[in-house]
Amino acid sequence: MKWFVIAYLIATPVSWFISHKWLGNFAYKTSLSWWIFALAGVIALFIILVTVSWQSWRAATRNPVEALRYE
């Protein structure tokens, strides 16, 4: 979670600035709302939680003797 928060806090302003500059070059001006970046963060957080939970569950239910047998 710590790495996600650090990456999100760094990437959000950078991506907003780059997107704002890039979209400003078009003939039809459009803006990005804050909720787009928040939604991206929530989706990324959900994927992180599902992935970590799945790997933790697999590690907890696995028999350690099976892993050591092939070492």
C-alpha atoms as a PDB file:
ATOM      1  CA  MET A   1       0.000   0.000   0.000  1.00  0.00           C
ATOM      2  CA  LYS A   2       2.846   2.359   0.825  1.00  0.00           C
ATOM      3  CA  TRP A   3       4.369   2.007  -2.651  1.00  0.00           C
ATOM      4  CA  PHE A   4       0.999   2.521  -4.294  1.00  0.00           C
ATOM      5  CA  VAL A   5       0.351   5.735  -2.362  1.00  0.00           C
ATOM      6  CA  ILE A   6       3.811   7.096  -3.171  1.00  0.00           C
ATOM      7  CA  ALA A   7       3.473   6.214  -6.864  1.00  0.00           C
ATOM      8  CA  TYR A   8      -0.042   7.658  -7.045  1.00  0.00           C
ATOM      9  CA  LEU A   9       0.988  10.921  -5.396  1.00  0.00           C
ATOM     10  CA  ILE A  10       3.861  11.310  -7.838  1.00  0.00           C
ATOM     11  CA  ALA A  11       2.081  10.134 -10.993  1.00  0.00           C
ATOM     12  CA  THR A  12      -1.208  12.016 -10.631  1.00  0.00           C
ATOM     13  CA  PRO A  13       0.123  15.590 -10.867  1.00  0.00           C
ATOM     14  CA  VAL A  14       2.617  14.620 -13.561  1.00  0.00           C
ATOM     15  CA  SER A  15      -0.015  12.900 -15.691  1.00  0.00           C
ATOM     16  CA  TRP A  16      -2.485  15.770 -15.184  1.00  0.00           C
ATOM     17  CA  PHE A  17       0.131  18.314 -16.291  1.00  0.00           C
ATOM     18  CA  ILE A  18       1.190  16.321 -19.357  1.00  0.00           C
ATOM     19  CA  SER A  19      -2.417  15.577 -20.337  1.00  0.00           C
ATOM     20  CA  HIS A  20      -3.405  19.216 -19.881  1.00  0.00           C
ATOM     21  CA  LYS A  21      -0.547  20.413 -22.112  1.00  0.00           C
ATOM     22  CA  TRP A  22      -1.218  17.759 -24.750  1.00  0.00           C
ATOM     23  CA  LEU A  23      -4.979  18.338 -24.890  1.00  0.00           C
ATOM     24  CA  GLY A  24      -4.414  22.098 -25.090  1.00  0.00           C
ATOM     25  CA  ASN A  25      -2.879  21.717 -28.561  1.00  0.00           C
ATOM     26  CA  PHE A  26      -6.112  20.541 -30.188  1.00  0.00           C
ATOM     27  CA  ALA A  27      -8.551  22.825 -31.985  1.00  0.00           C
ATOM     28  CA  TYR A  28     -11.447  21.711 -29.771  1.00  0.00           C
ATOM     29  CA  LYS A  29     -10.406  22.270 -26.177  1.00  0.00           C
ATOM     30  CA  THR A  30     -11.359  19.708 -23.597  1.00  0.00           C
ATOM     31  CA  SER A  31     -10.454  19.343 -19.948  1.00  0.00           C
ATOM     32  CA  LEU A  32      -9.936  16.426 -17.656  1.00  0.00           C
ATOM     33  CA  SER A  33     -11.863  16.225 -14.416  1.00  0.00           C
ATOM     34  CA  TRP A  34     -10.376  15.194 -11.106  1.00  0.00           C
ATOM     35  CA  TRP A  35     -12.639  12.135 -10.921  1.00  0.00           C
ATOM     36  CA  ILE A  36     -10.877  10.499 -13.882  1.00  0.00           C
ATOM     37  CA  PHE A  37      -7.632  10.380 -11.926  1.00  0.00           C
ATOM     38  CA  ALA A  38      -9.452   9.303  -8.758  1.00  0.00           C
ATOM     39  CA  LEU A  39     -11.209   6.507 -10.659  1.00  0.00           C
ATOM     40  CA  ALA A  40      -7.875   5.329 -12.063  1.00  0.00           C
ATOM     41  CA  GLY A  41      -6.480   5.231  -8.522  1.00  0.00           C
ATOM     42  CA  VAL A  42      -9.465   3.287  -7.174  1.00  0.00           C
ATOM     43  CA  ILE A  43      -9.246   0.746 -10.009  1.00  0.00           C
ATOM     44  CA  ALA A  44      -5.498   0.324  -9.461  1.00  0.00           C
ATOM     45  CA  LEU A  45      -6.049  -0.079  -5.710  1.00  0.00           C
ATOM     46  CA  PHE A  46      -8.722  -2.720  -6.335  1.00  0.00           C
ATOM     47  CA  ILE A  47      -6.391  -4.664  -8.645  1.00  0.00           C
ATOM     48  CA  ILE A  48      -3.588  -4.476  -6.069  1.00  0.00           C
ATOM     49  CA  LEU A  49      -5.837  -5.715  -3.254  1.00  0.00           C
ATOM     50  CA  VAL A  50      -7.224  -8.605  -5.307  1.00  0.00           C
ATOM     51  CA  THR A  51      -3.765  -9.664  -6.468  1.00  0.00           C
ATOM     52  CA  VAL A  52      -2.175  -9.524  -3.022  1.00  0.00           C
ATOM     53  CA  SER A  53      -5.145 -11.279  -1.417  1.00  0.00           C
ATOM     54  CA  TRP A  54      -5.044 -14.054  -4.005  1.00  0.00           C
ATOM     55  CA  GLN A  55      -1.304 -14.618  -3.588  1.00  0.00           C
ATOM     56  CA  SER A  56      -1.616 -14.564   0.211  1.00  0.00           C
ATOM     57  CA  TRP A  57      -4.436 -17.091   0.117  1.00  0.00           C
ATOM     58  CA  ARG A  58      -2.436 -19.387  -2.187  1.00  0.00           C
ATOM     59  CA  ALA A  59       0.622 -19.147   0.079  1.00  0.00           C
ATOM     60  CA  ALA A  60      -1.447 -19.818   3.215  1.00  0.00           C
ATOM     61  CA  THR A  61      -3.182 -22.888   1.822  1.00  0.00           C
ATOM     62  CA  ARG A  62      -0.113 -24.462   0.244  1.00  0.00           C
ATOM     63  CA  ASN A  63       1.648 -27.260   2.048  1.00  0.00           C
ATOM     64  CA  PRO A  64       5.278 -26.267   2.822  1.00  0.00           C
ATOM     65  CA  VAL A  65       6.423 -29.872   2.530  1.00  0.00           C
ATOM     66  CA  GLU A  66       5.376 -29.890  -1.125  1.00  0.00           C
ATOM     67  CA  ALA A  67       7.520 -26.839  -1.839  1.00  0.00           C
ATOM     68  CA  LEU A  68      10.566 -28.243  -0.043  1.00  0.00           C
ATOM     69  CA  ARG A  69      10.308 -31.627  -1.748  1.00  0.00           C
ATOM     70  CA  TYR A  70      11.445 -30.180  -5.073  1.00  0.00           C
ATOM     71  CA  GLU A  71      14.283 -28.025  -3.722  1.00  0.00           C
END
